[in-house]
Amino acid sequence: MIFYLIAIDLKIGRFESEYVGKMQFYLSVLNDTVRIEGEAPSIGIILCKLKDRTTAEYALNDSEKPIGVAT
């Protein structure tokens, strides 16, 4: 059985590219302090009221951590 830690960041407005950097920080903390050996890397989900698909794609383009953006 594989366990995942999931960080969810709820935003009340439009997606901003800076949110990806914050989520990368949150996932690094989870992976270093909470995740147990053998567990899968943590997953990040950013939920926004609005998002521009192109902005989200460029913001996530170089991210090595599993992060998704949804409305």
C-alpha atoms as a PDB file:
ATOM      1  CA  MET A   1       0.000   0.000   0.000  1.00  0.00           C
ATOM      2  CA  ILE A   2       1.364   3.427  -0.951  1.00  0.00           C
ATOM      3  CA  PHE A   3       0.593   6.474   1.189  1.00  0.00           C
ATOM      4  CA  TYR A   4       0.625  10.069  -0.048  1.00  0.00           C
ATOM      5  CA  LEU A   5       0.717  13.333   1.857  1.00  0.00           C
ATOM      6  CA  ILE A   6      -1.346  15.966   0.080  1.00  0.00           C
ATOM      7  CA  ALA A   7      -1.023  19.716   0.644  1.00  0.00           C
ATOM      8  CA  ILE A   8      -4.046  21.735  -0.486  1.00  0.00           C
ATOM      9  CA  ASP A   9      -3.799  25.509  -0.783  1.00  0.00           C
ATOM     10  CA  LEU A  10      -7.165  27.276  -1.193  1.00  0.00           C
ATOM     11  CA  LYS A  11      -7.067  30.705  -2.851  1.00  0.00           C
ATOM     12  CA  ILE A  12     -10.070  33.020  -3.108  1.00  0.00           C
ATOM     13  CA  GLY A  13      -8.907  34.853  -6.231  1.00  0.00           C
ATOM     14  CA  ARG A  14      -7.096  34.342  -9.512  1.00  0.00           C
ATOM     15  CA  PHE A  15      -4.095  32.007  -9.763  1.00  0.00           C
ATOM     16  CA  GLU A  16      -0.753  33.793  -9.380  1.00  0.00           C
ATOM     17  CA  SER A  17       2.533  32.213 -10.454  1.00  0.00           C
ATOM     18  CA  GLU A  18       4.002  32.904  -6.995  1.00  0.00           C
ATOM     19  CA  TYR A  19       1.688  30.257  -5.541  1.00  0.00           C
ATOM     20  CA  VAL A  20       3.829  27.523  -7.115  1.00  0.00           C
ATOM     21  CA  GLY A  21       6.904  28.650  -5.155  1.00  0.00           C
ATOM     22  CA  LYS A  22       4.927  28.610  -1.920  1.00  0.00           C
ATOM     23  CA  MET A  23       3.605  25.127  -2.680  1.00  0.00           C
ATOM     24  CA  GLN A  24       7.138  23.897  -3.443  1.00  0.00           C
ATOM     25  CA  PHE A  25       8.139  25.159   0.004  1.00  0.00           C
ATOM     26  CA  TYR A  26       5.195  23.389   1.667  1.00  0.00           C
ATOM     27  CA  LEU A  27       6.017  20.119  -0.104  1.00  0.00           C
ATOM     28  CA  SER A  28       9.692  20.340   0.850  1.00  0.00           C
ATOM     29  CA  VAL A  29       8.721  20.749   4.506  1.00  0.00           C
ATOM     30  CA  LEU A  30       6.277  17.821   4.337  1.00  0.00           C
ATOM     31  CA  ASN A  31       8.821  15.585   2.605  1.00  0.00           C
ATOM     32  CA  ASP A  32      11.603  16.437   5.075  1.00  0.00           C
ATOM     33  CA  THR A  33       9.671  16.469   8.347  1.00  0.00           C
ATOM     34  CA  VAL A  34       6.503  14.369   8.027  1.00  0.00           C
ATOM     35  CA  ARG A  35       6.962  11.816   5.230  1.00  0.00           C
ATOM     36  CA  ILE A  36       8.135   8.391   6.363  1.00  0.00           C
ATOM     37  CA  GLU A  37      10.757   6.384   4.477  1.00  0.00           C
ATOM     38  CA  GLY A  38       9.065   4.373   1.742  1.00  0.00           C
ATOM     39  CA  GLU A  39       6.122   6.745   1.290  1.00  0.00           C
ATOM     40  CA  ALA A  40       5.609   8.435  -2.055  1.00  0.00           C
ATOM     41  CA  PRO A  41       6.601  12.109  -2.404  1.00  0.00           C
ATOM     42  CA  SER A  42       4.007  14.627  -1.253  1.00  0.00           C
ATOM     43  CA  ILE A  43       1.525  16.061  -3.757  1.00  0.00           C
ATOM     44  CA  GLY A  44       0.418  19.684  -3.931  1.00  0.00           C
ATOM     45  CA  ILE A  45      -2.939  20.995  -5.122  1.00  0.00           C
ATOM     46  CA  ILE A  46      -3.622  24.708  -5.569  1.00  0.00           C
ATOM     47  CA  LEU A  47      -7.345  25.521  -5.803  1.00  0.00           C
ATOM     48  CA  CYS A  48      -8.210  28.988  -7.130  1.00  0.00           C
ATOM     49  CA  LYS A  49     -11.388  30.799  -8.046  1.00  0.00           C
ATOM     50  CA  LEU A  50      -9.969  31.597 -11.500  1.00  0.00           C
ATOM     51  CA  LYS A  51      -6.913  30.546 -13.490  1.00  0.00           C
ATOM     52  CA  ASP A  52      -5.348  31.335 -16.806  1.00  0.00           C
ATOM     53  CA  ARG A  53      -4.249  28.013 -18.298  1.00  0.00           C
ATOM     54  CA  THR A  54      -1.178  29.482 -19.995  1.00  0.00           C
ATOM     55  CA  THR A  55       0.036  31.183 -16.815  1.00  0.00           C
ATOM     56  CA  ALA A  56      -0.427  27.982 -14.822  1.00  0.00           C
ATOM     57  CA  GLU A  57       1.434  25.902 -17.416  1.00  0.00           C
ATOM     58  CA  TYR A  58       4.406  28.286 -17.484  1.00  0.00           C
ATOM     59  CA  ALA A  59       4.478  28.512 -13.684  1.00  0.00           C
ATOM     60  CA  LEU A  60       4.557  24.708 -13.369  1.00  0.00           C
ATOM     61  CA  ASN A  61       6.857  24.108 -16.348  1.00  0.00           C
ATOM     62  CA  ASP A  62      10.132  23.728 -14.373  1.00  0.00           C
ATOM     63  CA  SER A  63       8.629  22.375 -11.174  1.00  0.00           C
ATOM     64  CA  GLU A  64      10.038  18.982 -10.222  1.00  0.00           C
ATOM     65  CA  LYS A  65       7.468  18.442  -7.502  1.00  0.00           C
ATOM     66  CA  PRO A  66       3.987  17.031  -8.288  1.00  0.00           C
ATOM     67  CA  ILE A  67       1.756  20.124  -8.203  1.00  0.00           C
ATOM     68  CA  GLY A  68      -1.632  20.686  -9.825  1.00  0.00           C
ATOM     69  CA  VAL A  69      -3.729  23.822 -10.262  1.00  0.00           C
ATOM     70  CA  ALA A  70      -7.514  23.674 -10.493  1.00  0.00           C
ATOM     71  CA  THR A  71     -10.520  25.976 -10.257  1.00  0.00           C
END
